Structure formats: C-alpha cells, structure tokens
Amino acid sequence: MRIYSDFAGRRTRQIIADVAALVAIGLWIWFGVTVFHLVNGLASWGVQMEEAGAGFAGTMTDVGETLGGIPLIGPGIRLPFDGASEAGAALEAAGRDQQEAVLQLATTLGIGIPLLPILTILALWLVPRILFIRRAGRAREVVKAGAGMDLLALRALSTQRLSAIVDIDPDALGAWRRGDPEVVRRLAQLELRAAGVRLRER
C-alpha cells in the first residue's frame, strides 16, 4: 500500500499537507495541555485551604483534649475548641471540594478547547487522504487485472473533464467502443493520474 502519489508535484503537496496537519494537531494538543495546567494551578488555593483547615482542626482538637483533662472545669472548657475543630474540618473539606472542581474544569477545558479544531483538521485532511489511498489502491489492482485498461478508460469517460477527454480524441467514446488501443491507454492514463498512479510502460 502506497500512501503518496506517483507524481512528484502531487506527492510534494501531500507531504506538505501531512506535515502541516500533524504540526497543527500537535500545537492544539500542546495548547490543550497548557490550558489544563494553567487552570489546574488554581487548585493550589484549595490545597492551602485543606492544609490550613487540617492544621487548625488538629490544633484545636489537641488543645481541647489537653484542657478537657482538667478536673471539674475540663468538659466545659473543651466545648469551644471542639466547635473550632469542626470549623477547621469544614474548611479542610471545602479545600478538597475546590481542588476537585478545579480539576474537572481544567480537564474539560484542556480537552474541549482543542477537540473541535483537531476534529476539523482530521475531517479536512485525514478523510481525503484515506480516500486517496483507497482509490489509488483500487486503481493499481485494476491495472493488474486482465480487462483493467478498458475499465479504467470507461471510468475516465464517465468521471474526467470533457475537455481532457476531447484532447485525447474528439470521438473518445467511439474509439473506446472500437477498442482503439492508443485511446484506451491514454484514457486509462488520465484516470490513473487522477488517482495518483503512474502507468508503468511494459
């Protein structure tokens, strides 16, 4: 299977288009990764909130347990510190929630922003390239077949520009019906060239 045309001019254009498309896809992927990291950097606030909440809750718990051990007045003194510890735990949970929300947003933007441009590039570049490869492959198979030249000539009569057909022979259809070998060969060459396949002279 050959992925490029046998003709230098068209092959050069195909190679340039392939390189340009791959570079464009790579740039969009890089842009998406950059957006992800920039947005995900906002999660540092959530990390700080979580760490501050965890540290405050731990400190208040330790103080409450220490003061709670004082006879008679311990349980009463401990209550405010237990409440402060719960507030710290709430701050810690809010920090975790903020990190999760930022991660979801970063992932959505990192994937969503480059997705449409990449799909557009694939539709405008990859699909035609696949169709060309399939068409060229079928054309080569037809050339190898016994009646391949006649079939290619007939396809040229039905698909190629009228001006190109007339340049070969003003009565190209009649010549094809008569089996004129030169006209059949030139019509077949016309169709093969459109498919990017060079007719090998025997």
Protein backbone atom coordinates (compact mmCIF):
# COMPACT_ATOMS: atom_id res chain seq x y z
CA MET A 1 0.00 0.00 0.00
CA ARG A 2 1.39 3.37 -1.06
CA ILE A 3 0.16 6.47 0.71
CA TYR A 4 1.56 9.05 -1.71
CA SER A 5 1.04 9.84 -5.37
CA ASP A 6 3.45 8.51 -8.00
CA PHE A 7 3.67 12.03 -9.43
CA ALA A 8 6.24 14.34 -7.85
CA GLY A 9 4.14 17.52 -7.77
CA ARG A 10 1.13 15.96 -6.12
CA ARG A 11 3.33 13.87 -3.81
CA THR A 12 5.09 17.03 -2.62
CA ARG A 13 1.77 18.72 -1.89
CA GLN A 14 0.58 15.64 0.01
CA ILE A 15 3.73 15.54 2.13
CA ILE A 16 3.47 19.26 2.91
CA ALA A 17 -0.21 18.84 3.85
CA ASP A 18 0.61 15.85 6.07
CA VAL A 19 3.37 17.72 7.89
CA ALA A 20 1.22 20.84 8.29
CA ALA A 21 -1.72 18.83 9.62
CA LEU A 22 0.41 16.89 12.09
CA VAL A 23 2.10 20.08 13.29
CA ALA A 24 -1.29 21.78 13.71
CA ILE A 25 -2.65 18.82 15.68
CA GLY A 26 0.46 18.81 17.84
CA LEU A 27 0.11 22.54 18.54
CA TRP A 28 -3.54 22.17 19.52
CA ILE A 29 -2.67 19.28 21.84
CA TRP A 30 0.11 21.39 23.38
CA PHE A 31 -2.34 24.27 23.80
CA GLY A 32 -4.87 21.98 25.50
CA VAL A 33 -2.22 20.64 27.89
CA THR A 34 -1.09 24.21 28.64
CA VAL A 35 -4.67 25.30 29.40
CA PHE A 36 -5.10 22.26 31.64
CA HIS A 37 -2.00 23.09 33.67
CA LEU A 38 -2.85 26.80 33.92
CA VAL A 39 -6.39 26.16 35.16
CA ASN A 40 -5.34 23.28 37.38
CA GLY A 41 -2.83 25.63 39.00
CA LEU A 42 -5.79 27.35 40.66
CA ALA A 43 -6.16 24.23 42.79
CA SER A 44 -3.23 25.48 44.88
CA TRP A 45 -5.72 27.65 46.75
CA GLY A 46 -7.71 24.56 47.59
CA VAL A 47 -4.55 22.79 48.76
CA GLN A 48 -3.77 25.72 51.05
CA MET A 49 -7.35 25.71 52.36
CA GLU A 50 -7.20 21.97 53.01
CA GLU A 51 -3.84 22.20 54.76
CA ALA A 52 -4.92 25.21 56.83
CA GLY A 53 -8.20 23.55 57.79
CA ALA A 54 -6.50 20.27 58.70
CA GLY A 55 -3.82 22.08 60.74
CA PHE A 56 -6.37 24.27 62.55
CA ALA A 57 -8.66 21.31 63.26
CA GLY A 58 -5.75 19.25 64.57
CA THR A 59 -4.52 22.07 66.81
CA MET A 60 -7.95 22.75 68.25
CA THR A 61 -8.52 19.06 68.88
CA ASP A 62 -5.19 18.76 70.69
CA VAL A 63 -5.90 21.85 72.82
CA GLY A 64 -9.40 20.65 73.62
CA GLU A 65 -8.14 17.23 74.68
CA THR A 66 -5.46 18.81 76.85
CA LEU A 67 -7.81 21.22 78.57
CA GLY A 68 -10.52 18.61 78.77
CA GLY A 69 -8.37 16.63 81.16
CA ILE A 70 -8.56 19.36 83.84
CA PRO A 71 -10.78 18.15 86.68
CA LEU A 72 -14.18 19.82 87.13
CA ILE A 73 -13.79 22.58 84.51
CA GLY A 74 -12.30 20.45 81.70
CA PRO A 75 -15.51 19.43 79.88
CA GLY A 76 -16.82 22.98 79.80
CA ILE A 77 -13.58 24.45 78.50
CA ARG A 78 -13.30 21.80 75.79
CA LEU A 79 -16.59 22.65 74.05
CA PRO A 80 -15.42 25.82 72.22
CA PHE A 81 -12.31 24.07 71.00
CA ASP A 82 -14.36 21.14 69.68
CA GLY A 83 -16.51 23.64 67.75
CA ALA A 84 -13.42 25.31 66.34
CA SER A 85 -12.08 21.89 65.33
CA GLU A 86 -15.29 21.20 63.41
CA ALA A 87 -14.93 24.56 61.63
CA GLY A 88 -11.39 23.58 60.65
CA ALA A 89 -12.65 20.26 59.33
CA ALA A 90 -15.26 22.10 57.25
CA LEU A 91 -12.54 24.34 55.83
CA GLU A 92 -10.48 21.24 55.02
CA ALA A 93 -13.45 19.66 53.18
CA ALA A 94 -14.06 22.92 51.27
CA GLY A 95 -10.42 22.87 50.15
CA ARG A 96 -10.80 19.32 48.81
CA ASP A 97 -14.03 20.25 47.01
CA GLN A 98 -12.33 23.24 45.42
CA GLN A 99 -9.48 21.06 44.15
CA GLU A 100 -11.92 18.57 42.63
CA ALA A 101 -13.92 21.35 40.95
CA VAL A 102 -10.79 22.93 39.51
CA LEU A 103 -9.56 19.55 38.24
CA GLN A 104 -12.87 18.91 36.48
CA LEU A 105 -12.82 22.39 34.92
CA ALA A 106 -9.18 22.01 33.83
CA THR A 107 -9.89 18.62 32.28
CA THR A 108 -12.98 19.91 30.45
CA LEU A 109 -11.17 22.95 29.06
CA GLY A 110 -7.97 21.04 28.30
CA ILE A 111 -9.86 18.51 26.19
CA GLY A 112 -12.73 20.66 24.93
CA ILE A 113 -10.74 23.61 23.55
CA PRO A 114 -8.53 21.61 21.13
CA LEU A 115 -11.13 18.95 20.34
CA LEU A 116 -13.12 20.83 17.68
CA PRO A 117 -10.06 22.16 15.80
CA ILE A 118 -8.47 18.70 15.79
CA LEU A 119 -11.68 17.09 14.54
CA THR A 120 -11.89 19.74 11.82
CA ILE A 121 -8.31 19.06 10.75
CA LEU A 122 -8.98 15.32 10.66
CA ALA A 123 -12.12 15.86 8.57
CA LEU A 124 -10.39 18.17 6.08
CA TRP A 125 -7.08 16.28 5.90
CA LEU A 126 -7.24 12.68 7.08
CA VAL A 127 -10.51 11.68 5.40
CA PRO A 128 -9.37 12.82 1.90
CA ARG A 129 -6.00 11.13 2.47
CA ILE A 130 -7.71 7.84 3.33
CA LEU A 131 -9.97 8.16 0.29
CA PHE A 132 -6.93 8.82 -1.91
CA ILE A 133 -5.10 5.77 -0.57
CA ARG A 134 -8.14 3.57 -1.18
CA ARG A 135 -8.68 4.98 -4.67
CA ALA A 136 -5.02 4.55 -5.62
CA GLY A 137 -5.04 1.00 -4.26
CA ARG A 138 -8.11 0.07 -6.28
CA ALA A 139 -6.60 1.65 -9.41
CA ARG A 140 -3.43 -0.42 -9.04
CA GLU A 141 -5.50 -3.58 -8.61
CA VAL A 142 -7.49 -2.79 -11.75
CA VAL A 143 -4.27 -2.26 -13.73
CA LYS A 144 -3.16 -5.76 -12.76
CA ALA A 145 -6.46 -7.25 -13.91
CA GLY A 146 -6.84 -8.53 -17.44
CA ALA A 147 -9.52 -6.04 -18.51
CA GLY A 148 -8.16 -3.30 -16.30
CA MET A 149 -7.25 -0.80 -19.02
CA ASP A 150 -10.68 -0.91 -20.63
CA LEU A 151 -12.34 -0.45 -17.26
CA LEU A 152 -10.12 2.50 -16.38
CA ALA A 153 -10.77 4.08 -19.76
CA LEU A 154 -14.52 3.70 -19.27
CA ARG A 155 -14.29 5.28 -15.83
CA ALA A 156 -12.31 8.17 -17.31
CA LEU A 157 -15.07 8.72 -19.88
CA SER A 158 -17.65 8.99 -17.10
CA THR A 159 -15.72 10.96 -14.47
CA GLN A 160 -12.99 13.08 -16.07
CA ARG A 161 -13.39 16.56 -17.51
CA LEU A 162 -14.80 16.70 -21.01
CA SER A 163 -12.01 18.99 -22.18
CA ALA A 164 -9.36 16.48 -21.10
CA ILE A 165 -11.21 13.66 -22.87
CA VAL A 166 -11.59 15.64 -26.10
CA ASP A 167 -7.87 16.44 -26.02
CA ILE A 168 -7.23 12.70 -26.26
CA ASP A 169 -9.69 12.11 -29.12
CA PRO A 170 -12.73 14.13 -30.27
CA ASP A 171 -14.59 10.81 -30.59
CA ALA A 172 -13.10 9.17 -27.50
CA LEU A 173 -16.24 7.15 -26.77
CA GLY A 174 -16.35 5.77 -30.29
CA ALA A 175 -12.64 4.96 -30.14
CA TRP A 176 -13.19 3.16 -26.84
CA ARG A 177 -16.06 1.16 -28.36
CA ARG A 178 -13.83 0.19 -31.29
CA GLY A 179 -11.13 -0.84 -28.85
CA ASP A 180 -8.55 1.64 -30.14
CA PRO A 181 -5.54 0.64 -28.01
CA GLU A 182 -3.89 4.08 -28.03
CA VAL A 183 -7.06 5.92 -26.99
CA VAL A 184 -7.84 3.28 -24.35
CA ARG A 185 -4.31 3.61 -22.97
CA ARG A 186 -4.45 7.42 -22.84
CA LEU A 187 -7.89 7.39 -21.22
CA ALA A 188 -6.66 4.87 -18.68
CA GLN A 189 -3.64 7.08 -18.00
CA LEU A 190 -5.95 10.03 -17.44
CA GLU A 191 -7.92 8.12 -14.83
CA LEU A 192 -4.79 6.71 -13.19
CA ARG A 193 -3.23 10.16 -12.96
CA ALA A 194 -6.33 11.41 -11.17
CA ALA A 195 -5.86 8.50 -8.74
CA GLY A 196 -2.17 9.34 -8.30
CA VAL A 197 -0.94 6.19 -10.05
CA ARG A 198 1.60 6.19 -12.85
CA LEU A 199 1.03 3.67 -15.64
CA ARG A 200 4.15 1.56 -15.93
CA GLU A 201 5.18 1.09 -19.52
CA ARG A 202 5.79 -2.52 -20.45
